[in-house]
PDB file of N, CA and C in Angstrom:
ATOM      1  N   MET A   1    -157.007  85.768   4.901  1.00  0.00           N
ATOM      2  CA  MET A   1    -157.140  84.623   4.304  1.00  0.00           C
ATOM      3  C   MET A   1    -157.204  83.553   5.720  1.00  0.00           C
ATOM      4  N   ARG A   2    -158.098  82.378   5.457  1.00  0.00           N
ATOM      5  CA  ARG A   2    -158.438  81.428   6.472  1.00  0.00           C
ATOM      6  C   ARG A   2    -158.031  80.202   6.002  1.00  0.00           C
ATOM      7  N   ILE A   3    -157.201  79.519   6.896  1.00  0.00           N
ATOM      8  CA  ILE A   3    -156.745  78.151   6.625  1.00  0.00           C
ATOM      9  C   ILE A   3    -157.406  77.248   7.644  1.00  0.00           C
ATOM     10  N   THR A   4    -157.861  76.039   7.110  1.00  0.00           N
ATOM     11  CA  THR A   4    -158.526  75.203   8.163  1.00  0.00           C
ATOM     12  C   THR A   4    -157.862  73.934   7.707  1.00  0.00           C
ATOM     13  N   ILE A   5    -157.299  73.284   8.864  1.00  0.00           N
ATOM     14  CA  ILE A   5    -156.638  72.011   8.851  1.00  0.00           C
ATOM     15  C   ILE A   5    -157.294  70.982   9.796  1.00  0.00           C
ATOM     16  N   LYS A   6    -157.729  69.836   9.153  1.00  0.00           N
ATOM     17  CA  LYS A   6    -158.498  69.017   9.962  1.00  0.00           C
ATOM     18  C   LYS A   6    -157.646  67.703  10.269  1.00  0.00           C
ATOM     19  N   GLY A   7    -157.796  67.048  11.358  1.00  0.00           N
ATOM     20  CA  GLY A   7    -157.153  65.925  11.485  1.00  0.00           C
ATOM     21  C   GLY A   7    -157.556  65.567  12.982  1.00  0.00           C
ATOM     22  N   ASP A   8    -156.434  64.790  13.682  1.00  0.00           N
ATOM     23  CA  ASP A   8    -156.801  64.328  14.994  1.00  0.00           C
ATOM     24  C   ASP A   8    -155.656  64.622  15.746  1.00  0.00           C
ATOM     25  N   PHE A   9    -155.426  65.516  16.412  1.00  0.00           N
ATOM     26  CA  PHE A   9    -154.458  66.092  17.352  1.00  0.00           C
ATOM     27  C   PHE A   9    -154.375  65.609  18.842  1.00  0.00           C
ATOM     28  N   ARG A  10    -155.031  64.751  19.031  1.00  0.00           N
ATOM     29  CA  ARG A  10    -154.964  64.554  20.374  1.00  0.00           C
ATOM     30  C   ARG A  10    -153.773  63.993  20.890  1.00  0.00           C
ATOM     31  N   GLY A  11    -153.249  64.268  21.973  1.00  0.00           N
ATOM     32  CA  GLY A  11    -152.026  63.693  22.452  1.00  0.00           C
ATOM     33  C   GLY A  11    -150.730  64.462  21.978  1.00  0.00           C
ATOM     34  N   GLN A  12    -151.263  65.380  20.978  1.00  0.00           N
ATOM     35  CA  GLN A  12    -149.865  66.109  20.516  1.00  0.00           C
ATOM     36  C   GLN A  12    -149.658  67.507  21.385  1.00  0.00           C
ATOM     37  N   ASP A  13    -148.495  68.125  21.250  1.00  0.00           N
ATOM     38  CA  ASP A  13    -148.315  69.291  21.925  1.00  0.00           C
ATOM     39  C   ASP A  13    -148.942  70.489  21.088  1.00  0.00           C
ATOM     40  N   ILE A  14    -150.049  71.021  21.433  1.00  0.00           N
ATOM     41  CA  ILE A  14    -150.806  72.045  20.818  1.00  0.00           C
ATOM     42  C   ILE A  14    -150.042  73.242  20.281  1.00  0.00           C
ATOM     43  N   GLU A  15    -149.172  73.648  21.428  1.00  0.00           N
ATOM     44  CA  GLU A  15    -148.128  74.995  21.035  1.00  0.00           C
ATOM     45  C   GLU A  15    -147.237  74.879  20.073  1.00  0.00           C
ATOM     46  N   LEU A  16    -146.393  73.504  20.101  1.00  0.00           N
ATOM     47  CA  LEU A  16    -145.719  73.252  19.150  1.00  0.00           C
ATOM     48  C   LEU A  16    -146.525  73.040  17.719  1.00  0.00           C
ATOM     49  N   LEU A  17    -147.486  72.365  17.596  1.00  0.00           N
ATOM     50  CA  LEU A  17    -148.167  72.536  16.444  1.00  0.00           C
ATOM     51  C   LEU A  17    -148.650  73.814  15.881  1.00  0.00           C
ATOM     52  N   GLN A  18    -149.138  74.759  17.045  1.00  0.00           N
ATOM     53  CA  GLN A  18    -149.432  76.046  16.278  1.00  0.00           C
ATOM     54  C   GLN A  18    -148.337  76.822  15.966  1.00  0.00           C
ATOM     55  N   ALA A  19    -146.905  76.724  16.470  1.00  0.00           N
ATOM     56  CA  ALA A  19    -145.781  77.188  16.035  1.00  0.00           C
ATOM     57  C   ALA A  19    -145.488  76.681  14.585  1.00  0.00           C
ATOM     58  N   TYR A  20    -145.589  75.538  14.438  1.00  0.00           N
ATOM     59  CA  TYR A  20    -145.081  74.865  13.046  1.00  0.00           C
ATOM     60  C   TYR A  20    -146.031  75.411  11.990  1.00  0.00           C
ATOM     61  N   ILE A  21    -147.335  75.249  12.439  1.00  0.00           N
ATOM     62  CA  ILE A  21    -148.337  75.882  11.386  1.00  0.00           C
ATOM     63  C   ILE A  21    -148.147  77.278  10.919  1.00  0.00           C
ATOM     64  N   GLU A  22    -147.673  78.090  11.906  1.00  0.00           N
ATOM     65  CA  GLU A  22    -147.397  79.609  11.688  1.00  0.00           C
ATOM     66  C   GLU A  22    -146.240  79.724  10.902  1.00  0.00           C
ATOM     67  N   GLN A  23    -145.096  78.679  11.241  1.00  0.00           N
ATOM     68  CA  GLN A  23    -143.967  78.745  10.128  1.00  0.00           C
ATOM     69  C   GLN A  23    -144.316  78.468   8.856  1.00  0.00           C
ATOM     70  N   ILE A  24    -145.113  77.394   8.755  1.00  0.00           N
ATOM     71  CA  ILE A  24    -145.666  76.879   7.312  1.00  0.00           C
ATOM     72  C   ILE A  24    -146.355  78.079   6.351  1.00  0.00           C
ATOM     73  N   VAL A  25    -147.064  78.751   7.267  1.00  0.00           N
ATOM     74  CA  VAL A  25    -147.986  79.817   6.575  1.00  0.00           C
ATOM     75  C   VAL A  25    -147.039  81.032   6.221  1.00  0.00           C
ATOM     76  N   ARG A  26    -146.081  81.250   7.241  1.00  0.00           N
ATOM     77  CA  ARG A  26    -145.183  82.306   6.764  1.00  0.00           C
ATOM     78  C   ARG A  26    -144.284  82.257   5.579  1.00  0.00           C
ATOM     79  N   GLU A  27    -143.661  80.848   5.670  1.00  0.00           N
ATOM     80  CA  GLU A  27    -142.931  80.320   4.360  1.00  0.00           C
ATOM     81  C   GLU A  27    -143.729  80.337   3.379  1.00  0.00           C
ATOM     82  N   MET A  28    -144.976  79.923   3.187  1.00  0.00           N
ATOM     83  CA  MET A  28    -145.766  79.844   2.062  1.00  0.00           C
ATOM     84  C   MET A  28    -146.086  80.989   1.388  1.00  0.00           C
ATOM     85  N   THR A  29    -146.719  81.886   2.171  1.00  0.00           N
ATOM     86  CA  THR A  29    -147.072  83.238   1.942  1.00  0.00           C
ATOM     87  C   THR A  29    -146.445  84.496   2.066  1.00  0.00           C
ATOM     88  N   GLY A  30    -145.570  84.286   3.021  1.00  0.00           N
ATOM     89  CA  GLY A  30    -144.756  85.609   3.395  1.00  0.00           C
ATOM     90  C   GLY A  30    -145.489  86.541   4.200  1.00  0.00           C
ATOM     91  N   ALA A  31    -146.738  85.992   4.704  1.00  0.00           N
ATOM     92  CA  ALA A  31    -147.740  86.843   5.593  1.00  0.00           C
ATOM     93  C   ALA A  31    -147.739  86.507   7.171  1.00  0.00           C
ATOM     94  N   PRO A  32    -147.467  87.233   7.994  1.00  0.00           N
ATOM     95  CA  PRO A  32    -147.745  86.890   9.327  1.00  0.00           C
ATOM     96  C   PRO A  32    -148.995  86.342   9.717  1.00  0.00           C
ATOM     97  N   VAL A  33    -148.926  85.399  10.603  1.00  0.00           N
ATOM     98  CA  VAL A  33    -150.176  84.778  11.194  1.00  0.00           C
ATOM     99  C   VAL A  33    -150.875  85.653  12.474  1.00  0.00           C
ATOM    100  N   SER A  34    -151.818  85.946  12.367  1.00  0.00           N
ATOM    101  CA  SER A  34    -152.584  86.723  13.278  1.00  0.00           C
ATOM    102  C   SER A  34    -152.940  85.878  14.575  1.00  0.00           C
ATOM    103  N   ARG A  35    -153.417  84.639  14.105  1.00  0.00           N
ATOM    104  CA  ARG A  35    -153.671  83.627  15.288  1.00  0.00           C
ATOM    105  C   ARG A  35    -154.064  82.451  14.546  1.00  0.00           C
ATOM    106  N   VAL A  36    -153.863  81.425  15.576  1.00  0.00           N
ATOM    107  CA  VAL A  36    -154.056  80.194  15.175  1.00  0.00           C
ATOM    108  C   VAL A  36    -155.168  79.509  16.010  1.00  0.00           C
ATOM    109  N   ILE A  37    -156.047  79.124  15.567  1.00  0.00           N
ATOM    110  CA  ILE A  37    -157.136  78.612  16.378  1.00  0.00           C
ATOM    111  C   ILE A  37    -157.354  77.034  16.310  1.00  0.00           C
ATOM    112  N   THR A  38    -156.910  76.490  17.575  1.00  0.00           N
ATOM    113  CA  THR A  38    -156.728  75.085  17.462  1.00  0.00           C
ATOM    114  C   THR A  38    -158.036  74.105  17.763  1.00  0.00           C
ATOM    115  N   HIS A  39    -159.205  74.875  17.941  1.00  0.00           N
ATOM    116  CA  HIS A  39    -160.399  74.227  18.519  1.00  0.00           C
ATOM    117  C   HIS A  39    -160.830  73.327  17.190  1.00  0.00           C
ATOM    118  N   GLY A  40    -160.929  71.739  17.541  1.00  0.00           N
ATOM    119  CA  GLY A  40    -161.246  70.790  16.530  1.00  0.00           C
ATOM    120  C   GLY A  40    -160.373  70.791  15.559  1.00  0.00           C
ATOM    121  N   MET A  41    -159.191  71.074  15.676  1.00  0.00           N
ATOM    122  CA  MET A  41    -158.135  70.851  14.474  1.00  0.00           C
ATOM    123  C   MET A  41    -157.712  69.503  14.432  1.00  0.00           C
ATOM    124  N   VAL A  42    -157.515  69.078  13.237  1.00  0.00           N
ATOM    125  CA  VAL A  42    -157.053  67.559  13.111  1.00  0.00           C
ATOM    126  C   VAL A  42    -156.083  67.280  11.932  1.00  0.00           C
ATOM    127  N   VAL A  43    -155.214  66.513  12.139  1.00  0.00           N
ATOM    128  CA  VAL A  43    -154.097  66.166  11.053  1.00  0.00           C
ATOM    129  C   VAL A  43    -153.548  64.835  11.229  1.00  0.00           C
ATOM    130  N   PRO A  44    -153.655  64.047  10.303  1.00  0.00           N
ATOM    131  CA  PRO A  44    -152.804  62.689  10.449  1.00  0.00           C
ATOM    132  C   PRO A  44    -151.146  62.778  10.924  1.00  0.00           C
ATOM    133  N   ARG A  45    -150.764  63.677   9.970  1.00  0.00           N
ATOM    134  CA  ARG A  45    -149.009  63.815  10.390  1.00  0.00           C
ATOM    135  C   ARG A  45    -148.869  64.999   9.844  1.00  0.00           C
ATOM    136  N   LEU A  46    -147.984  65.920  10.637  1.00  0.00           N
ATOM    137  CA  LEU A  46    -147.485  67.328  10.325  1.00  0.00           C
ATOM    138  C   LEU A  46    -146.747  67.216   8.993  1.00  0.00           C
ATOM    139  N   ASP A  47    -145.949  66.531   8.455  1.00  0.00           N
ATOM    140  CA  ASP A  47    -145.562  66.462   7.153  1.00  0.00           C
ATOM    141  C   ASP A  47    -146.653  66.796   6.198  1.00  0.00           C
ATOM    142  N   GLN A  48    -147.651  66.052   6.551  1.00  0.00           N
ATOM    143  CA  GLN A  48    -148.965  66.018   5.615  1.00  0.00           C
ATOM    144  C   GLN A  48    -149.444  67.241   5.460  1.00  0.00           C
ATOM    145  N   VAL A  49    -149.367  68.125   6.295  1.00  0.00           N
ATOM    146  CA  VAL A  49    -149.817  69.603   6.596  1.00  0.00           C
ATOM    147  C   VAL A  49    -148.917  70.445   5.673  1.00  0.00           C
ATOM    148  N   ARG A  50    -147.734  70.293   5.597  1.00  0.00           N
ATOM    149  CA  ARG A  50    -146.878  71.207   4.726  1.00  0.00           C
ATOM    150  C   ARG A  50    -147.339  70.890   3.210  1.00  0.00           C
ATOM    151  N   GLN A  51    -147.398  69.607   2.823  1.00  0.00           N
ATOM    152  CA  GLN A  51    -147.557  69.285   1.573  1.00  0.00           C
ATOM    153  C   GLN A  51    -148.952  69.621   1.189  1.00  0.00           C
ATOM    154  N   THR A  52    -150.028  69.529   1.911  1.00  0.00           N
ATOM    155  CA  THR A  52    -151.457  69.961   1.399  1.00  0.00           C
ATOM    156  C   THR A  52    -151.446  71.263   1.430  1.00  0.00           C
ATOM    157  N   PHE A  53    -150.846  72.022   2.522  1.00  0.00           N
ATOM    158  CA  PHE A  53    -150.779  73.413   1.968  1.00  0.00           C
ATOM    159  C   PHE A  53    -150.105  74.012   0.812  1.00  0.00           C
ATOM    160  N   GLN A  54    -148.947  73.393   0.820  1.00  0.00           N
ATOM    161  CA  GLN A  54    -148.271  73.938  -0.648  1.00  0.00           C
ATOM    162  C   GLN A  54    -148.873  73.610  -2.088  1.00  0.00           C
ATOM    163  N   GLU A  55    -149.750  72.349  -1.865  1.00  0.00           N
ATOM    164  CA  GLU A  55    -150.440  72.053  -3.074  1.00  0.00           C
ATOM    165  C   GLU A  55    -151.516  73.022  -3.217  1.00  0.00           C
ATOM    166  N   ARG A  56    -152.155  73.580  -2.059  1.00  0.00           N
ATOM    167  CA  ARG A  56    -153.159  74.502  -1.982  1.00  0.00           C
ATOM    168  C   ARG A  56    -152.842  75.999  -2.620  1.00  0.00           C
ATOM    169  N   VAL A  57    -151.626  76.322  -2.145  1.00  0.00           N
ATOM    170  CA  VAL A  57    -150.917  77.565  -2.634  1.00  0.00           C
ATOM    171  C   VAL A  57    -150.599  77.444  -4.020  1.00  0.00           C
ATOM    172  N   ASN A  58    -150.089  76.565  -4.486  1.00  0.00           N
ATOM    173  CA  ASN A  58    -149.730  76.364  -5.946  1.00  0.00           C
ATOM    174  C   ASN A  58    -150.808  76.572  -6.922  1.00  0.00           C
ATOM    175  N   ALA A  59    -152.050  75.715  -6.408  1.00  0.00           N
ATOM    176  CA  ALA A  59    -153.180  75.715  -7.045  1.00  0.00           C
ATOM    177  C   ALA A  59    -153.734  77.007  -7.333  1.00  0.00           C
ATOM    178  N   ASP A  60    -153.609  77.899  -5.966  1.00  0.00           N
ATOM    179  CA  ASP A  60    -154.161  79.269  -5.941  1.00  0.00           C
ATOM    180  C   ASP A  60    -153.566  80.221  -7.131  1.00  0.00           C
ATOM    181  N   ARG A  61    -152.192  79.965  -7.105  1.00  0.00           N
ATOM    182  CA  ARG A  61    -151.363  80.821  -8.093  1.00  0.00           C
ATOM    183  C   ARG A  61    -151.491  80.425  -9.554  1.00  0.00           C
ATOM    184  N   GLN A  62    -152.159  79.465  -9.819  1.00  0.00           N
ATOM    185  CA  GLN A  62    -152.262  79.346 -11.359  1.00  0.00           C
ATOM    186  C   GLN A  62    -153.457  79.911 -11.901  1.00  0.00           C
TER     187      GLN A  62
END
């Protein structure tokens, strides 16, 4: 599965962001994350990432 998150991460701790995204993906799918590619990634607020991803997971399950 490929998940693309768009937003503006300039000035944020990319390693922390990667860990956060990996945690969300594991929680939502139960699957490990093989890699997180941060090139060009952007998100307004990290809590928005969780909400958006949860909505997509829920939609996929229906």
